[in-house]
N, C-alpha and C. Protein backbone atom coordinates (compact mmCIF):
# COMPACT_ATOMS: atom_id res chain seq x y z
N MET A 1 87.72 -29.62 59.60
CA MET A 1 88.94 -29.69 60.40
C MET A 1 89.37 -31.14 60.59
N ALA A 2 88.41 -32.04 60.74
CA ALA A 2 88.73 -33.45 60.94
C ALA A 2 89.36 -34.04 59.69
N ARG A 3 88.90 -33.57 58.52
CA ARG A 3 89.47 -34.08 57.28
C ARG A 3 90.93 -33.66 57.14
N LYS A 4 91.23 -32.40 57.50
CA LYS A 4 92.62 -31.94 57.47
C LYS A 4 93.50 -32.79 58.37
N THR A 5 92.98 -33.09 59.54
CA THR A 5 93.74 -33.89 60.50
C THR A 5 94.01 -35.28 59.96
N ARG A 6 93.00 -35.88 59.37
CA ARG A 6 93.19 -37.23 58.81
C ARG A 6 94.21 -37.25 57.68
N VAL A 7 94.16 -36.25 56.83
CA VAL A 7 95.11 -36.19 55.71
C VAL A 7 96.53 -36.02 56.24
N TRP A 8 96.72 -35.12 57.20
CA TRP A 8 98.06 -34.93 57.77
C TRP A 8 98.53 -36.18 58.49
N LEU A 9 97.64 -36.86 59.20
CA LEU A 9 98.02 -38.08 59.90
C LEU A 9 98.44 -39.16 58.91
N LEU A 10 97.70 -39.31 57.83
CA LEU A 10 98.06 -40.28 56.80
C LEU A 10 99.41 -39.95 56.18
N PHE A 11 99.66 -38.69 55.90
CA PHE A 11 100.94 -38.27 55.36
C PHE A 11 102.08 -38.58 56.32
N LEU A 12 101.90 -38.27 57.60
CA LEU A 12 102.95 -38.52 58.59
C LEU A 12 103.21 -40.02 58.77
N VAL A 13 102.18 -40.83 58.73
CA VAL A 13 102.37 -42.28 58.82
C VAL A 13 103.14 -42.79 57.61
N LEU A 14 102.82 -42.29 56.44
CA LEU A 14 103.54 -42.70 55.23
C LEU A 14 105.01 -42.32 55.31
N VAL A 15 105.30 -41.10 55.72
CA VAL A 15 106.68 -40.65 55.85
C VAL A 15 107.41 -41.48 56.91
N PHE A 16 106.73 -41.77 58.00
CA PHE A 16 107.33 -42.57 59.07
C PHE A 16 107.68 -43.97 58.56
N LEU A 17 106.77 -44.60 57.83
CA LEU A 17 107.05 -45.94 57.31
C LEU A 17 108.19 -45.92 56.30
N LEU A 18 108.26 -44.88 55.48
CA LEU A 18 109.34 -44.80 54.51
C LEU A 18 110.70 -44.58 55.18
N SER A 19 110.69 -43.92 56.34
CA SER A 19 111.96 -43.63 56.99
C SER A 19 112.42 -44.73 57.94
N LEU A 20 111.70 -45.82 58.04
CA LEU A 20 112.08 -46.91 58.94
C LEU A 20 113.10 -47.87 58.36
N ALA A 21 113.56 -47.62 57.20
CA ALA A 21 114.51 -48.48 56.50
C ALA A 21 113.86 -49.80 56.09
N ALA A 22 112.54 -49.77 55.93
CA ALA A 22 111.82 -50.95 55.49
C ALA A 22 111.73 -51.00 53.96
N THR A 23 112.10 -49.92 53.32
CA THR A 23 112.05 -49.86 51.87
C THR A 23 113.41 -49.41 51.35
N PRO A 24 113.68 -49.62 50.09
CA PRO A 24 114.95 -49.17 49.52
C PRO A 24 115.04 -47.64 49.43
N TYR A 25 113.94 -46.95 49.65
CA TYR A 25 113.94 -45.50 49.56
C TYR A 25 114.20 -44.80 50.89
N SER A 26 114.54 -45.54 51.91
CA SER A 26 114.67 -44.96 53.25
C SER A 26 115.78 -43.90 53.32
N LYS A 27 116.90 -44.15 52.69
CA LYS A 27 117.99 -43.17 52.74
C LYS A 27 117.60 -41.90 52.00
N THR A 28 116.91 -42.04 50.90
CA THR A 28 116.45 -40.88 50.14
C THR A 28 115.45 -40.06 50.96
N VAL A 29 114.53 -40.76 51.62
CA VAL A 29 113.54 -40.08 52.45
C VAL A 29 114.22 -39.36 53.61
N ASP A 30 115.21 -39.98 54.21
CA ASP A 30 115.94 -39.34 55.30
C ASP A 30 116.62 -38.05 54.83
N ILE A 31 117.24 -38.10 53.68
CA ILE A 31 117.90 -36.91 53.13
C ILE A 31 116.88 -35.81 52.84
N ILE A 32 115.74 -36.19 52.26
CA ILE A 32 114.70 -35.22 51.96
C ILE A 32 114.16 -34.59 53.24
N LEU A 33 113.92 -35.41 54.27
CA LEU A 33 113.40 -34.88 55.53
C LEU A 33 114.41 -33.96 56.21
N ILE A 34 115.68 -34.30 56.14
CA ILE A 34 116.71 -33.44 56.73
C ILE A 34 116.75 -32.11 55.99
N CYS A 35 116.72 -32.15 54.67
CA CYS A 35 116.73 -30.90 53.89
C CYS A 35 115.48 -30.07 54.16
N LEU A 36 114.33 -30.73 54.26
CA LEU A 36 113.09 -30.02 54.54
C LEU A 36 113.15 -29.35 55.91
N ARG A 37 113.66 -30.04 56.90
CA ARG A 37 113.76 -29.47 58.24
C ARG A 37 114.72 -28.28 58.25
N LEU A 38 115.87 -28.42 57.62
CA LEU A 38 116.82 -27.30 57.58
C LEU A 38 116.25 -26.10 56.84
N THR A 39 115.49 -26.37 55.78
CA THR A 39 114.85 -25.28 55.04
C THR A 39 113.82 -24.57 55.90
N LEU A 40 113.01 -25.33 56.63
CA LEU A 40 112.00 -24.72 57.50
C LEU A 40 112.64 -23.92 58.63
N VAL A 41 113.72 -24.44 59.21
CA VAL A 41 114.42 -23.71 60.27
C VAL A 41 114.99 -22.41 59.72
N ALA A 42 115.58 -22.46 58.54
CA ALA A 42 116.14 -21.25 57.93
C ALA A 42 115.03 -20.25 57.60
N LEU A 43 113.92 -20.71 57.06
CA LEU A 43 112.81 -19.84 56.72
C LEU A 43 112.23 -19.17 57.97
N MET A 44 112.00 -19.94 59.02
CA MET A 44 111.46 -19.36 60.25
C MET A 44 112.46 -18.39 60.88
N SER A 45 113.74 -18.68 60.78
CA SER A 45 114.76 -17.76 61.31
C SER A 45 114.74 -16.44 60.56
N ILE A 46 114.64 -16.52 59.25
CA ILE A 46 114.59 -15.30 58.43
C ILE A 46 113.33 -14.49 58.74
N LEU A 47 112.18 -15.17 58.84
CA LEU A 47 110.94 -14.46 59.15
C LEU A 47 110.98 -13.83 60.53
N THR A 48 111.55 -14.53 61.50
CA THR A 48 111.66 -13.98 62.85
C THR A 48 112.59 -12.77 62.86
N LEU A 49 113.70 -12.87 62.15
CA LEU A 49 114.63 -11.75 62.07
C LEU A 49 113.99 -10.55 61.40
N LEU A 50 113.24 -10.76 60.32
CA LEU A 50 112.56 -9.66 59.65
C LEU A 50 111.52 -9.02 60.56
N GLU A 51 110.79 -9.84 61.32
CA GLU A 51 109.79 -9.31 62.24
C GLU A 51 110.46 -8.48 63.34
N TRP A 52 111.58 -8.96 63.85
CA TRP A 52 112.32 -8.22 64.88
C TRP A 52 112.82 -6.90 64.31
N TRP A 53 113.34 -6.96 63.07
CA TRP A 53 113.85 -5.76 62.44
C TRP A 53 112.73 -4.74 62.24
N ARG A 54 111.57 -5.23 61.82
CA ARG A 54 110.43 -4.34 61.62
C ARG A 54 110.01 -3.71 62.95
N SER A 55 110.00 -4.48 64.02
CA SER A 55 109.60 -3.92 65.31
C SER A 55 110.62 -2.88 65.79
N GLN A 56 111.88 -3.04 65.43
CA GLN A 56 112.89 -2.06 65.80
C GLN A 56 112.69 -0.76 65.01
N ARG A 57 112.25 -0.87 63.79
CA ARG A 57 112.04 0.30 62.94
C ARG A 57 110.75 1.04 63.25
N THR A 58 109.77 0.38 63.86
CA THR A 58 108.46 0.99 64.09
C THR A 58 108.28 1.41 65.55
N ARG A 59 109.33 1.86 66.15
CA ARG A 59 109.22 2.39 67.52
C ARG A 59 108.46 3.70 67.50
N PRO A 60 107.92 4.13 68.66
CA PRO A 60 107.19 5.41 68.70
C PRO A 60 108.07 6.56 68.20
N GLY A 61 107.46 7.44 67.43
CA GLY A 61 108.18 8.57 66.87
C GLY A 61 108.74 8.29 65.49
N SER A 62 108.61 7.08 65.01
CA SER A 62 109.11 6.74 63.69
C SER A 62 108.03 7.02 62.65
N GLU A 63 108.43 7.52 61.48
CA GLU A 63 107.45 7.80 60.44
C GLU A 63 106.92 6.53 59.79
N ILE A 64 107.60 5.41 59.95
CA ILE A 64 107.17 4.14 59.35
C ILE A 64 105.99 3.56 60.11
N GLN A 65 105.76 3.99 61.34
CA GLN A 65 104.70 3.42 62.17
C GLN A 65 103.32 3.67 61.59
N ALA A 66 103.15 4.64 60.73
CA ALA A 66 101.86 4.94 60.14
C ALA A 66 101.39 3.85 59.18
N HIS A 67 102.25 2.95 58.78
CA HIS A 67 101.89 1.85 57.88
C HIS A 67 100.83 0.98 58.56
N PRO A 68 99.73 0.61 57.87
CA PRO A 68 98.64 -0.12 58.52
C PRO A 68 99.04 -1.49 59.08
N ASP A 69 100.02 -2.16 58.52
CA ASP A 69 100.41 -3.48 59.00
C ASP A 69 101.55 -3.43 60.01
N ALA A 70 101.93 -2.26 60.44
CA ALA A 70 103.10 -2.14 61.32
C ALA A 70 102.88 -2.83 62.65
N GLY A 71 101.63 -2.93 63.12
CA GLY A 71 101.36 -3.56 64.41
C GLY A 71 101.20 -5.06 64.33
N ASP A 72 101.08 -5.60 63.13
CA ASP A 72 100.89 -7.05 62.99
C ASP A 72 102.16 -7.78 63.34
N SER A 73 102.02 -8.84 64.09
CA SER A 73 103.19 -9.65 64.40
C SER A 73 103.17 -10.90 63.54
N LEU A 74 104.27 -11.56 63.49
CA LEU A 74 104.40 -12.78 62.69
C LEU A 74 103.41 -13.83 63.15
N LEU A 75 103.27 -14.00 64.46
CA LEU A 75 102.37 -15.03 64.96
C LEU A 75 100.91 -14.73 64.63
N ARG A 76 100.51 -13.45 64.65
CA ARG A 76 99.14 -13.11 64.27
C ARG A 76 98.88 -13.43 62.81
N ARG A 77 99.85 -13.11 61.95
CA ARG A 77 99.67 -13.40 60.53
C ARG A 77 99.61 -14.90 60.27
N LEU A 78 100.46 -15.68 60.96
CA LEU A 78 100.42 -17.12 60.78
C LEU A 78 99.10 -17.69 61.28
N ARG A 79 98.59 -17.15 62.40
CA ARG A 79 97.30 -17.62 62.93
C ARG A 79 96.18 -17.31 61.96
N ARG A 80 96.16 -16.09 61.40
CA ARG A 80 95.13 -15.74 60.42
C ARG A 80 95.22 -16.62 59.19
N TRP A 81 96.43 -16.92 58.74
CA TRP A 81 96.60 -17.78 57.57
C TRP A 81 96.11 -19.19 57.87
N TYR A 82 96.44 -19.73 59.04
CA TYR A 82 96.08 -21.11 59.36
C TYR A 82 94.57 -21.27 59.53
N PHE A 83 93.93 -20.32 60.19
CA PHE A 83 92.50 -20.43 60.46
C PHE A 83 91.65 -19.69 59.43
N ASP A 84 92.25 -19.21 58.36
CA ASP A 84 91.55 -18.49 57.30
C ASP A 84 90.74 -17.32 57.83
N GLU A 85 91.31 -16.58 58.76
CA GLU A 85 90.64 -15.41 59.32
C GLU A 85 90.94 -14.20 58.47
N GLN A 86 90.03 -13.24 58.49
CA GLN A 86 90.22 -11.99 57.77
C GLN A 86 90.85 -10.98 58.72
N LYS A 87 91.44 -9.94 58.16
CA LYS A 87 92.04 -8.88 58.98
C LYS A 87 90.99 -8.13 59.74
């Protein structure tokens, strides 16, 4: 876990230094970071909307509720992915 933290910290420091306008690549890095942020916001919005839609479809009395993953929420799946947990 400490190694992951160090790698992410090094990456964030590098991105921060590139975005300080200390290099000729600062404008490019700013554009890339803005696009990356907008992409992540759009992706999380889509995933949240899909999760909400799924929860609306799996109300009691619905035949779709028998699906084994119907009770899983987005946050549980992300937590299992991040911590490499099994179902």
